Amino acid sequence: MLRTALEFLSDELNAYLKRKDATNFGNEDVVIISSLMTPDGTFAVVSDGGEVSKIILTLVNLEEDRVSDAQYNYRKTDDKIQIINPPVNLNVFVIFSVFANNYSTALRLLSYVISFFQGNQVFDSDKYPSINAKVDNDKPWQKVGRLLVNLHPITFEQQNNLWAALGAKYMPNVIYKIRTMSFIDLEPKMEAPPITEVTISDN
């Protein structure tokens, strides 16, 4: 589900950039999903020395959404009642970092990211039929229902701690909070035949 959501947002933002500035960004995808650093401590985006302009989409945090009380789910099949563990509802925090040789280009790309989400804050299958286009039908747990994307400002101190944790040098960036993703395993934890008759006895 995380992959589905981030790939969808990446594809939509790439399409937006190509519509808005086809001259500069029409030939290839600018937005990529990647960590900023590799496990060996090197920068994850490879540059061949030429002009490079990339928007790097990175997952930076997960937060459980406890607004609604989690309760067991009950599902009825033909001959049984199944008990399924309640879903885990998560808020997802992502950072869009702009890597470009030219600082002015980086600022322009960052402005496009902010403009895109200013005009598009709610993503669902009614408005975006392609939201689950990359998900196999036999893997319904990977599907995304509805995404709400909001700007998530942080303080200078939080920003300093975040970039230290990422292990990268600061780049122009913006953080967004994606609400809410529900993770659920439909495999029943308990099942029993339904109650079809009640007998009252004096004994």
N, C-alpha and C. Protein backbone atom coordinates (compact mmCIF):
# COMPACT_ATOMS: atom_id res chain seq x y z
N MET A 1 0.81 -1.20 0.00
CA MET A 1 0.00 0.00 0.00
C MET A 1 0.85 1.27 0.00
N LEU A 2 1.92 1.26 0.79
CA LEU A 2 2.83 2.42 0.79
C LEU A 2 3.41 2.64 -0.60
N ARG A 3 3.86 1.56 -1.22
CA ARG A 3 4.43 1.67 -2.56
C ARG A 3 3.38 2.17 -3.55
N THR A 4 2.17 1.65 -3.46
CA THR A 4 1.09 2.07 -4.35
C THR A 4 0.85 3.57 -4.25
N ALA A 5 0.76 4.08 -3.01
CA ALA A 5 0.48 5.49 -2.79
C ALA A 5 1.60 6.38 -3.30
N LEU A 6 2.84 6.04 -2.97
CA LEU A 6 3.95 6.90 -3.36
C LEU A 6 4.20 6.86 -4.86
N GLU A 7 4.05 5.69 -5.48
CA GLU A 7 4.21 5.62 -6.93
C GLU A 7 3.12 6.42 -7.64
N PHE A 8 1.91 6.37 -7.12
CA PHE A 8 0.82 7.14 -7.72
C PHE A 8 1.10 8.64 -7.62
N LEU A 9 1.50 9.12 -6.44
CA LEU A 9 1.79 10.55 -6.27
C LEU A 9 2.96 10.98 -7.15
N SER A 10 3.96 10.12 -7.26
CA SER A 10 5.11 10.42 -8.12
C SER A 10 4.67 10.54 -9.58
N ASP A 11 3.85 9.62 -10.05
CA ASP A 11 3.37 9.65 -11.44
C ASP A 11 2.53 10.90 -11.71
N GLU A 12 1.66 11.24 -10.75
CA GLU A 12 0.80 12.41 -10.94
C GLU A 12 1.62 13.71 -10.96
N LEU A 13 2.61 13.79 -10.08
CA LEU A 13 3.45 14.99 -10.05
C LEU A 13 4.31 15.09 -11.31
N ASN A 14 4.80 13.98 -11.81
CA ASN A 14 5.55 13.99 -13.07
C ASN A 14 4.67 14.48 -14.21
N ALA A 15 3.44 13.99 -14.26
CA ALA A 15 2.50 14.43 -15.31
C ALA A 15 2.21 15.92 -15.19
N TYR A 16 2.10 16.41 -13.97
CA TYR A 16 1.84 17.83 -13.74
C TYR A 16 3.00 18.68 -14.24
N LEU A 17 4.22 18.27 -13.95
CA LEU A 17 5.40 19.02 -14.40
C LEU A 17 5.48 19.07 -15.93
N LYS A 18 5.15 17.96 -16.57
CA LYS A 18 5.20 17.93 -18.03
C LYS A 18 4.14 18.82 -18.65
N ARG A 19 2.99 18.93 -17.98
CA ARG A 19 1.95 19.83 -18.49
C ARG A 19 2.33 21.29 -18.28
N LYS A 20 2.90 21.60 -17.13
CA LYS A 20 3.19 22.98 -16.79
C LYS A 20 4.45 23.52 -17.47
N ASP A 21 5.43 22.65 -17.68
CA ASP A 21 6.71 23.12 -18.23
C ASP A 21 7.31 22.04 -19.13
N ALA A 22 6.65 21.80 -20.25
CA ALA A 22 7.09 20.75 -21.15
C ALA A 22 8.46 21.04 -21.75
N THR A 23 8.81 22.30 -21.88
CA THR A 23 10.10 22.67 -22.47
C THR A 23 11.25 22.14 -21.63
N ASN A 24 11.16 22.28 -20.32
CA ASN A 24 12.26 21.86 -19.44
C ASN A 24 12.10 20.45 -18.87
N PHE A 25 10.85 20.00 -18.72
CA PHE A 25 10.64 18.73 -18.02
C PHE A 25 9.80 17.74 -18.82
N GLY A 26 9.71 17.93 -20.13
CA GLY A 26 8.84 17.08 -20.92
C GLY A 26 9.46 15.80 -21.42
N ASN A 27 10.78 15.68 -21.34
CA ASN A 27 11.44 14.52 -21.95
C ASN A 27 11.61 13.33 -21.02
N GLU A 28 11.69 13.57 -19.72
CA GLU A 28 11.91 12.46 -18.78
C GLU A 28 11.27 12.79 -17.44
N ASP A 29 11.10 11.75 -16.64
CA ASP A 29 10.51 11.94 -15.32
C ASP A 29 11.50 12.65 -14.40
N VAL A 30 11.03 13.65 -13.72
CA VAL A 30 11.85 14.42 -12.79
C VAL A 30 11.70 13.87 -11.37
N VAL A 31 10.50 13.40 -11.03
CA VAL A 31 10.23 12.90 -9.68
C VAL A 31 10.62 11.43 -9.59
N ILE A 32 11.41 11.10 -8.59
CA ILE A 32 11.80 9.71 -8.36
C ILE A 32 11.55 9.36 -6.90
N ILE A 33 11.28 8.09 -6.65
CA ILE A 33 11.13 7.59 -5.28
C ILE A 33 12.46 6.97 -4.87
N SER A 34 13.05 7.52 -3.83
CA SER A 34 14.38 7.04 -3.45
C SER A 34 14.72 7.53 -2.05
N SER A 35 15.59 6.78 -1.39
CA SER A 35 16.23 7.31 -0.19
C SER A 35 17.24 8.36 -0.64
N LEU A 36 17.67 9.20 0.27
CA LEU A 36 18.66 10.21 -0.09
C LEU A 36 20.07 9.65 -0.06
N MET A 37 20.30 8.69 0.83
CA MET A 37 21.64 8.12 0.97
C MET A 37 21.56 6.61 0.85
N THR A 38 22.63 6.01 0.32
CA THR A 38 22.73 4.56 0.24
C THR A 38 23.28 4.03 1.57
N PRO A 39 23.17 2.72 1.82
CA PRO A 39 23.70 2.16 3.08
C PRO A 39 25.18 2.41 3.31
N ASP A 40 25.95 2.61 2.24
CA ASP A 40 27.39 2.85 2.42
C ASP A 40 27.71 4.33 2.62
N GLY A 41 26.66 5.18 2.70
CA GLY A 41 26.88 6.59 3.01
C GLY A 41 27.06 7.51 1.83
N THR A 42 26.90 7.01 0.61
CA THR A 42 27.02 7.86 -0.57
C THR A 42 25.64 8.36 -1.00
N PHE A 43 25.63 9.45 -1.75
CA PHE A 43 24.37 10.04 -2.19
C PHE A 43 23.70 9.09 -3.18
N ALA A 44 22.38 8.89 -3.01
CA ALA A 44 21.67 7.86 -3.76
C ALA A 44 21.42 8.23 -5.22
N VAL A 45 21.35 9.53 -5.53
CA VAL A 45 21.08 9.95 -6.90
C VAL A 45 22.39 10.09 -7.66
N VAL A 46 22.53 9.29 -8.70
CA VAL A 46 23.77 9.28 -9.47
C VAL A 46 23.77 10.41 -10.48
N SER A 47 24.88 11.15 -10.52
CA SER A 47 25.03 12.24 -11.48
C SER A 47 26.19 11.93 -12.41
N ASP A 48 25.98 12.14 -13.71
CA ASP A 48 27.05 11.90 -14.68
C ASP A 48 27.87 13.17 -14.94
N GLY A 49 27.60 14.19 -14.12
CA GLY A 49 28.35 15.43 -14.29
C GLY A 49 27.65 16.48 -15.11
N GLY A 50 26.55 16.07 -15.80
CA GLY A 50 25.80 17.03 -16.60
C GLY A 50 24.75 17.73 -15.78
N GLU A 51 23.83 18.37 -16.46
CA GLU A 51 22.74 19.07 -15.79
C GLU A 51 21.79 18.05 -15.17
N VAL A 52 21.57 18.15 -13.88
CA VAL A 52 20.72 17.20 -13.15
C VAL A 52 19.62 17.98 -12.42
N SER A 53 18.39 17.56 -12.59
CA SER A 53 17.28 18.15 -11.86
C SER A 53 16.35 17.02 -11.46
N LYS A 54 16.28 16.76 -10.16
CA LYS A 54 15.45 15.67 -9.65
C LYS A 54 14.70 16.11 -8.41
N ILE A 55 13.47 15.64 -8.30
CA ILE A 55 12.69 15.77 -7.08
C ILE A 55 12.67 14.38 -6.45
N ILE A 56 13.25 14.26 -5.27
CA ILE A 56 13.38 12.96 -4.62
C ILE A 56 12.29 12.81 -3.57
N LEU A 57 11.44 11.81 -3.75
CA LEU A 57 10.35 11.53 -2.83
C LEU A 57 10.80 10.45 -1.86
N THR A 58 10.81 10.78 -0.55
CA THR A 58 11.34 9.86 0.46
C THR A 58 10.38 9.76 1.63
N LEU A 59 10.14 8.55 2.08
CA LEU A 59 9.35 8.32 3.29
C LEU A 59 10.22 8.65 4.50
N VAL A 60 9.72 9.49 5.42
CA VAL A 60 10.54 9.87 6.58
C VAL A 60 9.92 9.47 7.91
N ASN A 61 8.60 9.18 7.94
CA ASN A 61 8.02 8.80 9.22
C ASN A 61 6.64 8.20 9.03
N LEU A 62 6.26 7.34 10.00
CA LEU A 62 4.92 6.78 10.05
C LEU A 62 4.34 7.08 11.43
N GLU A 63 3.05 7.38 11.47
CA GLU A 63 2.40 7.72 12.73
C GLU A 63 1.05 7.01 12.78
N GLU A 64 0.83 6.26 13.87
CA GLU A 64 -0.45 5.58 13.99
C GLU A 64 -1.55 6.59 14.30
N ASP A 65 -2.65 6.47 13.58
CA ASP A 65 -3.80 7.35 13.79
C ASP A 65 -4.76 6.66 14.76
N ARG A 66 -4.84 7.19 15.97
CA ARG A 66 -5.68 6.57 17.00
C ARG A 66 -6.96 7.37 17.25
N VAL A 67 -7.39 8.13 16.28
CA VAL A 67 -8.59 8.96 16.47
C VAL A 67 -9.81 8.09 16.72
N SER A 68 -9.94 7.04 15.95
CA SER A 68 -11.09 6.13 16.13
C SER A 68 -10.64 4.88 16.86
N ASP A 69 -11.47 4.40 17.77
CA ASP A 69 -11.14 3.19 18.53
C ASP A 69 -11.13 1.99 17.59
N ALA A 70 -10.07 1.20 17.71
CA ALA A 70 -9.97 0.00 16.89
C ALA A 70 -10.84 -1.10 17.50
N GLN A 71 -11.67 -1.71 16.69
CA GLN A 71 -12.50 -2.81 17.15
C GLN A 71 -12.36 -3.97 16.19
N TYR A 72 -12.65 -5.15 16.69
CA TYR A 72 -12.58 -6.32 15.82
C TYR A 72 -13.62 -6.22 14.72
N ASN A 73 -13.25 -6.71 13.54
CA ASN A 73 -14.16 -6.74 12.41
C ASN A 73 -14.75 -8.14 12.28
N TYR A 74 -16.01 -8.21 11.94
CA TYR A 74 -16.67 -9.49 11.74
C TYR A 74 -17.09 -9.59 10.28
N ARG A 75 -16.82 -10.76 9.70
CA ARG A 75 -17.17 -10.96 8.29
C ARG A 75 -17.92 -12.28 8.16
N LYS A 76 -19.02 -12.26 7.43
CA LYS A 76 -19.83 -13.45 7.25
C LYS A 76 -19.58 -14.07 5.90
N THR A 77 -19.27 -15.36 5.90
CA THR A 77 -19.16 -16.11 4.66
C THR A 77 -20.41 -16.99 4.53
N ASP A 78 -20.38 -17.95 3.62
CA ASP A 78 -21.57 -18.77 3.40
C ASP A 78 -21.97 -19.56 4.64
N ASP A 79 -20.97 -20.07 5.35
CA ASP A 79 -21.30 -20.95 6.47
C ASP A 79 -20.57 -20.62 7.77
N LYS A 80 -19.85 -19.49 7.81
CA LYS A 80 -19.08 -19.18 9.01
C LYS A 80 -19.07 -17.68 9.28
N ILE A 81 -18.82 -17.36 10.53
CA ILE A 81 -18.56 -15.99 10.94
C ILE A 81 -17.07 -15.88 11.25
N GLN A 82 -16.39 -14.92 10.63
CA GLN A 82 -14.95 -14.77 10.81
C GLN A 82 -14.65 -13.49 11.59
N ILE A 83 -13.65 -13.60 12.47
CA ILE A 83 -13.17 -12.44 13.21
C ILE A 83 -11.83 -12.02 12.63
N ILE A 84 -11.72 -10.75 12.25
CA ILE A 84 -10.50 -10.21 11.64
C ILE A 84 -9.96 -9.11 12.53
N ASN A 85 -8.66 -9.11 12.73
CA ASN A 85 -8.05 -8.05 13.54
C ASN A 85 -8.38 -6.67 12.96
N PRO A 86 -8.55 -5.68 13.82
CA PRO A 86 -8.87 -4.33 13.33
C PRO A 86 -7.73 -3.77 12.49
N PRO A 87 -8.03 -2.88 11.56
CA PRO A 87 -6.96 -2.32 10.72
C PRO A 87 -6.04 -1.40 11.51
N VAL A 88 -4.83 -1.26 11.02
CA VAL A 88 -3.89 -0.28 11.55
C VAL A 88 -3.96 0.95 10.65
N ASN A 89 -4.36 2.08 11.21
CA ASN A 89 -4.49 3.32 10.44
C ASN A 89 -3.24 4.16 10.64
N LEU A 90 -2.60 4.52 9.56
CA LEU A 90 -1.34 5.26 9.63
C LEU A 90 -1.42 6.59 8.89
N ASN A 91 -0.75 7.58 9.46
CA ASN A 91 -0.43 8.80 8.74
C ASN A 91 1.01 8.69 8.25
N VAL A 92 1.24 9.07 7.03
CA VAL A 92 2.54 8.89 6.39
C VAL A 92 3.16 10.24 6.11
N PHE A 93 4.41 10.42 6.50
CA PHE A 93 5.12 11.67 6.27
C PHE A 93 6.18 11.46 5.19
N VAL A 94 6.11 12.29 4.16
CA VAL A 94 7.07 12.19 3.05
C VAL A 94 7.74 13.54 2.84
N ILE A 95 8.97 13.49 2.36
CA ILE A 95 9.70 14.72 2.06
C ILE A 95 10.02 14.75 0.57
N PHE A 96 9.80 15.89 -0.04
CA PHE A 96 10.19 16.13 -1.43
C PHE A 96 11.44 16.99 -1.40
N SER A 97 12.58 16.39 -1.70
CA SER A 97 13.86 17.11 -1.72
C SER A 97 14.26 17.37 -3.17
N VAL A 98 14.71 18.58 -3.43
CA VAL A 98 15.06 18.94 -4.81
C VAL A 98 16.57 18.99 -4.97
N PHE A 99 17.07 18.14 -5.88
CA PHE A 99 18.49 18.09 -6.19
C PHE A 99 18.69 18.64 -7.59
N ALA A 100 19.40 19.75 -7.70
CA ALA A 100 19.65 20.36 -9.00
C ALA A 100 20.99 21.08 -8.98
N ASN A 101 21.68 21.08 -10.12
CA ASN A 101 22.95 21.80 -10.21
C ASN A 101 22.75 23.30 -10.10
N ASN A 102 21.62 23.75 -10.59
CA ASN A 102 21.30 25.18 -10.56
C ASN A 102 20.31 25.45 -9.44
N TYR A 103 20.67 26.33 -8.51
CA TYR A 103 19.82 26.58 -7.34
C TYR A 103 18.48 27.20 -7.73
N SER A 104 18.48 28.06 -8.73
CA SER A 104 17.24 28.66 -9.20
C SER A 104 16.28 27.60 -9.74
N THR A 105 16.84 26.61 -10.45
CA THR A 105 16.02 25.51 -10.94
C THR A 105 15.42 24.73 -9.79
N ALA A 106 16.22 24.51 -8.74
CA ALA A 106 15.73 23.80 -7.56
C ALA A 106 14.55 24.52 -6.92
N LEU A 107 14.65 25.84 -6.82
CA LEU A 107 13.56 26.61 -6.23
C LEU A 107 12.31 26.56 -7.12
N ARG A 108 12.51 26.57 -8.43
CA ARG A 108 11.37 26.50 -9.34
C ARG A 108 10.67 25.14 -9.21
N LEU A 109 11.45 24.07 -9.10
CA LEU A 109 10.86 22.74 -8.94
C LEU A 109 10.11 22.62 -7.61
N LEU A 110 10.69 23.18 -6.57
CA LEU A 110 10.03 23.15 -5.26
C LEU A 110 8.69 23.91 -5.33
N SER A 111 8.67 25.01 -6.05
CA SER A 111 7.43 25.77 -6.21
C SER A 111 6.38 24.96 -6.94
N TYR A 112 6.80 24.16 -7.92
CA TYR A 112 5.85 23.31 -8.65
C TYR A 112 5.25 22.26 -7.71
N VAL A 113 6.07 21.68 -6.83
CA VAL A 113 5.56 20.69 -5.89
C VAL A 113 4.47 21.31 -5.01
N ILE A 114 4.76 22.49 -4.47
CA ILE A 114 3.80 23.16 -3.59
C ILE A 114 2.53 23.53 -4.36
N SER A 115 2.68 23.99 -5.58
CA SER A 115 1.52 24.36 -6.41
C SER A 115 0.66 23.14 -6.71
N PHE A 116 1.31 22.01 -6.99
CA PHE A 116 0.57 20.79 -7.31
C PHE A 116 -0.32 20.37 -6.15
N PHE A 117 0.22 20.34 -4.94
CA PHE A 117 -0.57 19.90 -3.79
C PHE A 117 -1.52 20.98 -3.29
N GLN A 118 -1.25 22.23 -3.65
CA GLN A 118 -2.21 23.28 -3.31
C GLN A 118 -3.51 23.07 -4.08
N GLY A 119 -3.38 22.61 -5.30
CA GLY A 119 -4.56 22.37 -6.13
C GLY A 119 -5.10 20.97 -6.04
N ASN A 120 -4.35 20.06 -5.44
CA ASN A 120 -4.78 18.66 -5.34
C ASN A 120 -4.46 18.15 -3.94
N GLN A 121 -5.45 18.14 -3.08
CA GLN A 121 -5.24 17.70 -1.70
C GLN A 121 -5.91 16.37 -1.40
N VAL A 122 -6.92 16.02 -2.19
CA VAL A 122 -7.65 14.77 -1.98
C VAL A 122 -7.52 13.91 -3.23
N PHE A 123 -7.09 12.68 -3.03
CA PHE A 123 -6.93 11.74 -4.14
C PHE A 123 -7.76 10.50 -3.85
N ASP A 124 -8.71 10.18 -4.73
CA ASP A 124 -9.50 8.96 -4.58
C ASP A 124 -9.79 8.39 -5.96
N SER A 125 -10.40 7.20 -5.96
CA SER A 125 -10.62 6.50 -7.23
C SER A 125 -11.67 7.18 -8.11
N ASP A 126 -12.54 8.01 -7.52
CA ASP A 126 -13.54 8.70 -8.33
C ASP A 126 -12.89 9.75 -9.24
N LYS A 127 -11.97 10.52 -8.66
CA LYS A 127 -11.32 11.58 -9.43
C LYS A 127 -10.08 11.05 -10.16
N TYR A 128 -9.45 10.02 -9.59
CA TYR A 128 -8.22 9.47 -10.17
C TYR A 128 -8.39 7.96 -10.34
N PRO A 129 -9.01 7.52 -11.44
CA PRO A 129 -9.24 6.09 -11.65
C PRO A 129 -7.95 5.26 -11.71
N SER A 130 -6.82 5.92 -11.98
CA SER A 130 -5.56 5.20 -12.11
C SER A 130 -4.83 5.01 -10.78
N ILE A 131 -5.47 5.36 -9.67
CA ILE A 131 -4.79 5.35 -8.39
C ILE A 131 -4.28 3.94 -8.04
N ASN A 132 -5.01 2.91 -8.48
CA ASN A 132 -4.59 1.53 -8.21
C ASN A 132 -4.25 0.77 -9.48
N ALA A 133 -3.86 1.51 -10.52
CA ALA A 133 -3.62 0.88 -11.82
C ALA A 133 -2.48 -0.13 -11.80
N LYS A 134 -1.53 0.03 -10.89
CA LYS A 134 -0.37 -0.86 -10.85
C LYS A 134 -0.55 -2.03 -9.89
N VAL A 135 -1.74 -2.15 -9.30
CA VAL A 135 -1.99 -3.21 -8.32
C VAL A 135 -2.68 -4.38 -8.98
N ASP A 136 -2.17 -5.58 -8.75
CA ASP A 136 -2.81 -6.79 -9.28
C ASP A 136 -4.13 -7.01 -8.55
N ASN A 137 -5.14 -7.50 -9.29
CA ASN A 137 -6.45 -7.73 -8.69
C ASN A 137 -6.43 -8.78 -7.60
N ASP A 138 -5.46 -9.70 -7.66
CA ASP A 138 -5.38 -10.75 -6.64
C ASP A 138 -4.60 -10.29 -5.40
N LYS A 139 -4.26 -9.00 -5.33
CA LYS A 139 -3.58 -8.45 -4.17
C LYS A 139 -4.31 -7.20 -3.67
N PRO A 140 -5.55 -7.38 -3.20
CA PRO A 140 -6.36 -6.22 -2.81
C PRO A 140 -5.79 -5.44 -1.64
N TRP A 141 -4.95 -6.07 -0.82
CA TRP A 141 -4.37 -5.37 0.33
C TRP A 141 -3.39 -4.28 -0.08
N GLN A 142 -2.99 -4.27 -1.35
CA GLN A 142 -2.08 -3.23 -1.83
C GLN A 142 -2.82 -2.00 -2.36
N LYS A 143 -4.13 -2.07 -2.41
CA LYS A 143 -4.90 -0.97 -2.99
C LYS A 143 -5.06 0.19 -2.01
N VAL A 144 -5.14 1.37 -2.57
CA VAL A 144 -5.31 2.60 -1.80
C VAL A 144 -6.74 3.08 -1.95
N GLY A 145 -7.35 3.49 -0.85
CA GLY A 145 -8.72 3.99 -0.91
C GLY A 145 -8.76 5.48 -1.18
N ARG A 146 -8.29 6.26 -0.21
CA ARG A 146 -8.37 7.72 -0.31
C ARG A 146 -7.17 8.33 0.38
N LEU A 147 -6.54 9.29 -0.28
CA LEU A 147 -5.37 9.96 0.28
C LEU A 147 -5.68 11.43 0.47
N LEU A 148 -5.39 11.93 1.67
CA LEU A 148 -5.51 13.36 1.96
C LEU A 148 -4.11 13.89 2.25
N VAL A 149 -3.65 14.85 1.45
CA VAL A 149 -2.28 15.33 1.53
C VAL A 149 -2.26 16.77 2.01
N ASN A 150 -1.56 17.00 3.12
CA ASN A 150 -1.47 18.34 3.70
C ASN A 150 -0.03 18.73 3.98
N LEU A 151 0.27 20.00 3.80
CA LEU A 151 1.59 20.53 4.11
C LEU A 151 1.89 20.34 5.59
N HIS A 152 3.12 19.91 5.90
CA HIS A 152 3.50 19.66 7.30
C HIS A 152 4.74 20.49 7.63
N PRO A 153 4.55 21.70 8.14
CA PRO A 153 5.71 22.54 8.48
C PRO A 153 6.41 22.03 9.74
N ILE A 154 7.73 22.22 9.79
CA ILE A 154 8.51 21.85 10.97
C ILE A 154 9.41 23.02 11.37
N THR A 155 9.88 22.99 12.61
CA THR A 155 10.73 24.07 13.10
C THR A 155 12.16 23.89 12.58
N PHE A 156 12.99 24.93 12.78
CA PHE A 156 14.39 24.84 12.37
C PHE A 156 15.09 23.71 13.12
N GLU A 157 14.77 23.55 14.40
CA GLU A 157 15.40 22.49 15.19
C GLU A 157 15.00 21.11 14.67
N GLN A 158 13.72 20.93 14.38
CA GLN A 158 13.26 19.66 13.83
C GLN A 158 13.88 19.39 12.47
N GLN A 159 14.00 20.44 11.68
CA GLN A 159 14.62 20.30 10.36
C GLN A 159 16.08 19.87 10.48
N ASN A 160 16.79 20.47 11.42
CA ASN A 160 18.19 20.10 11.64
C ASN A 160 18.31 18.64 12.06
N ASN A 161 17.43 18.20 12.96
CA ASN A 161 17.45 16.81 13.42
C ASN A 161 17.10 15.84 12.29
N LEU A 162 16.13 16.23 11.46
CA LEU A 162 15.72 15.37 10.36
C LEU A 162 16.85 15.14 9.37
N TRP A 163 17.53 16.23 8.97
CA TRP A 163 18.60 16.07 7.98
C TRP A 163 19.79 15.34 8.56
N ALA A 164 20.00 15.48 9.85
CA ALA A 164 21.07 14.70 10.50
C ALA A 164 20.71 13.22 10.47
N ALA A 165 19.43 12.90 10.72
CA ALA A 165 18.99 11.50 10.68
C ALA A 165 19.07 10.93 9.26
N LEU A 166 18.76 11.75 8.28
CA LEU A 166 18.83 11.30 6.88
C LEU A 166 20.27 11.12 6.42
N GLY A 167 21.20 11.79 7.09
CA GLY A 167 22.62 11.66 6.73
C GLY A 167 22.99 12.37 5.46
N ALA A 168 22.21 13.38 5.09
CA ALA A 168 22.45 14.09 3.84
C ALA A 168 22.64 15.57 4.10
N LYS A 169 23.24 16.25 3.13
CA LYS A 169 23.34 17.70 3.18
C LYS A 169 21.99 18.32 2.84
N TYR A 170 21.72 19.45 3.44
CA TYR A 170 20.43 20.10 3.24
C TYR A 170 20.19 20.44 1.77
N MET A 171 18.95 20.20 1.33
CA MET A 171 18.50 20.60 0.00
C MET A 171 17.15 21.29 0.13
N PRO A 172 16.78 22.13 -0.80
CA PRO A 172 15.42 22.72 -0.76
C PRO A 172 14.39 21.59 -0.68
N ASN A 173 13.44 21.72 0.23
CA ASN A 173 12.52 20.61 0.46
C ASN A 173 11.20 21.09 1.02
N VAL A 174 10.23 20.19 0.99
CA VAL A 174 8.94 20.43 1.62
C VAL A 174 8.42 19.08 2.10
N ILE A 175 7.75 19.08 3.26
CA ILE A 175 7.25 17.85 3.88
C ILE A 175 5.72 17.85 3.84
N TYR A 176 5.17 16.69 3.50
CA TYR A 176 3.72 16.55 3.48
C TYR A 176 3.29 15.36 4.34
N LYS A 177 2.12 15.52 4.93
CA LYS A 177 1.49 14.46 5.73
C LYS A 177 0.36 13.85 4.91
N ILE A 178 0.40 12.55 4.72
CA ILE A 178 -0.63 11.83 3.96
C ILE A 178 -1.52 11.08 4.95
N ARG A 179 -2.80 11.41 4.96
CA ARG A 179 -3.77 10.76 5.84
C ARG A 179 -4.81 10.03 5.00
N THR A 180 -5.38 8.99 5.43
CA THR A 180 -4.91 8.00 6.38
C THR A 180 -4.84 6.70 5.60
N MET A 181 -3.86 5.87 5.85
CA MET A 181 -3.76 4.58 5.18
C MET A 181 -4.15 3.49 6.16
N SER A 182 -5.08 2.63 5.75
CA SER A 182 -5.53 1.54 6.61
C SER A 182 -4.94 0.22 6.13
N PHE A 183 -4.15 -0.39 6.98
CA PHE A 183 -3.53 -1.67 6.67
C PHE A 183 -4.33 -2.76 7.37
N ILE A 184 -4.81 -3.74 6.60
CA ILE A 184 -5.60 -4.81 7.19
C ILE A 184 -5.28 -6.13 6.51
N ASP A 185 -5.12 -7.17 7.33
CA ASP A 185 -4.91 -8.52 6.85
C ASP A 185 -6.26 -9.23 6.93
N LEU A 186 -6.79 -9.66 5.79
CA LEU A 186 -8.13 -10.25 5.76
C LEU A 186 -8.14 -11.71 6.17
N GLU A 187 -6.99 -12.25 6.52
CA GLU A 187 -6.97 -13.63 6.99
C GLU A 187 -7.62 -13.70 8.37
N PRO A 188 -8.67 -14.52 8.54
CA PRO A 188 -9.38 -14.55 9.82
C PRO A 188 -8.53 -15.11 10.96
N LYS A 189 -8.68 -14.51 12.14
CA LYS A 189 -7.97 -14.98 13.32
C LYS A 189 -8.80 -16.01 14.09
N MET A 190 -10.09 -16.02 13.83
CA MET A 190 -10.98 -16.98 14.46
C MET A 190 -12.23 -17.09 13.61
N GLU A 191 -12.78 -18.29 13.52
CA GLU A 191 -14.01 -18.45 12.78
C GLU A 191 -14.85 -19.55 13.42
N ALA A 192 -16.16 -19.43 13.27
CA ALA A 192 -17.10 -20.38 13.86
C ALA A 192 -18.39 -20.35 13.06
N PRO A 193 -19.14 -21.43 13.11
CA PRO A 193 -20.43 -21.41 12.41
C PRO A 193 -21.37 -20.42 13.08
N PRO A 194 -22.25 -19.81 12.33
CA PRO A 194 -23.17 -18.82 12.92
C PRO A 194 -24.19 -19.50 13.82
N ILE A 195 -24.73 -18.75 14.76
CA ILE A 195 -25.79 -19.26 15.63
C ILE A 195 -27.11 -19.18 14.87
N THR A 196 -27.71 -20.32 14.65
CA THR A 196 -28.96 -20.38 13.87
C THR A 196 -30.15 -20.76 14.73
N GLU A 197 -29.90 -21.26 15.94
CA GLU A 197 -31.01 -21.69 16.78
C GLU A 197 -30.66 -21.48 18.24
N VAL A 198 -31.60 -21.02 19.02
CA VAL A 198 -31.43 -20.82 20.45
C VAL A 198 -32.41 -21.69 21.20
N THR A 199 -31.89 -22.52 22.07
CA THR A 199 -32.73 -23.43 22.84
C THR A 199 -32.68 -23.04 24.32
N ILE A 200 -33.84 -22.88 24.94
CA ILE A 200 -33.94 -22.55 26.35
C ILE A 200 -34.41 -23.78 27.10
N SER A 201 -33.65 -24.17 28.09
CA SER A 201 -33.97 -25.37 28.86
C SER A 201 -34.13 -25.04 30.32
N ASP A 202 -35.07 -25.69 31.00
CA ASP A 202 -35.26 -25.50 32.44
C ASP A 202 -34.10 -26.05 33.24
N ASN A 203 -33.38 -27.00 32.64
CA ASN A 203 -32.25 -27.60 33.33
C ASN A 203 -31.04 -26.67 33.38
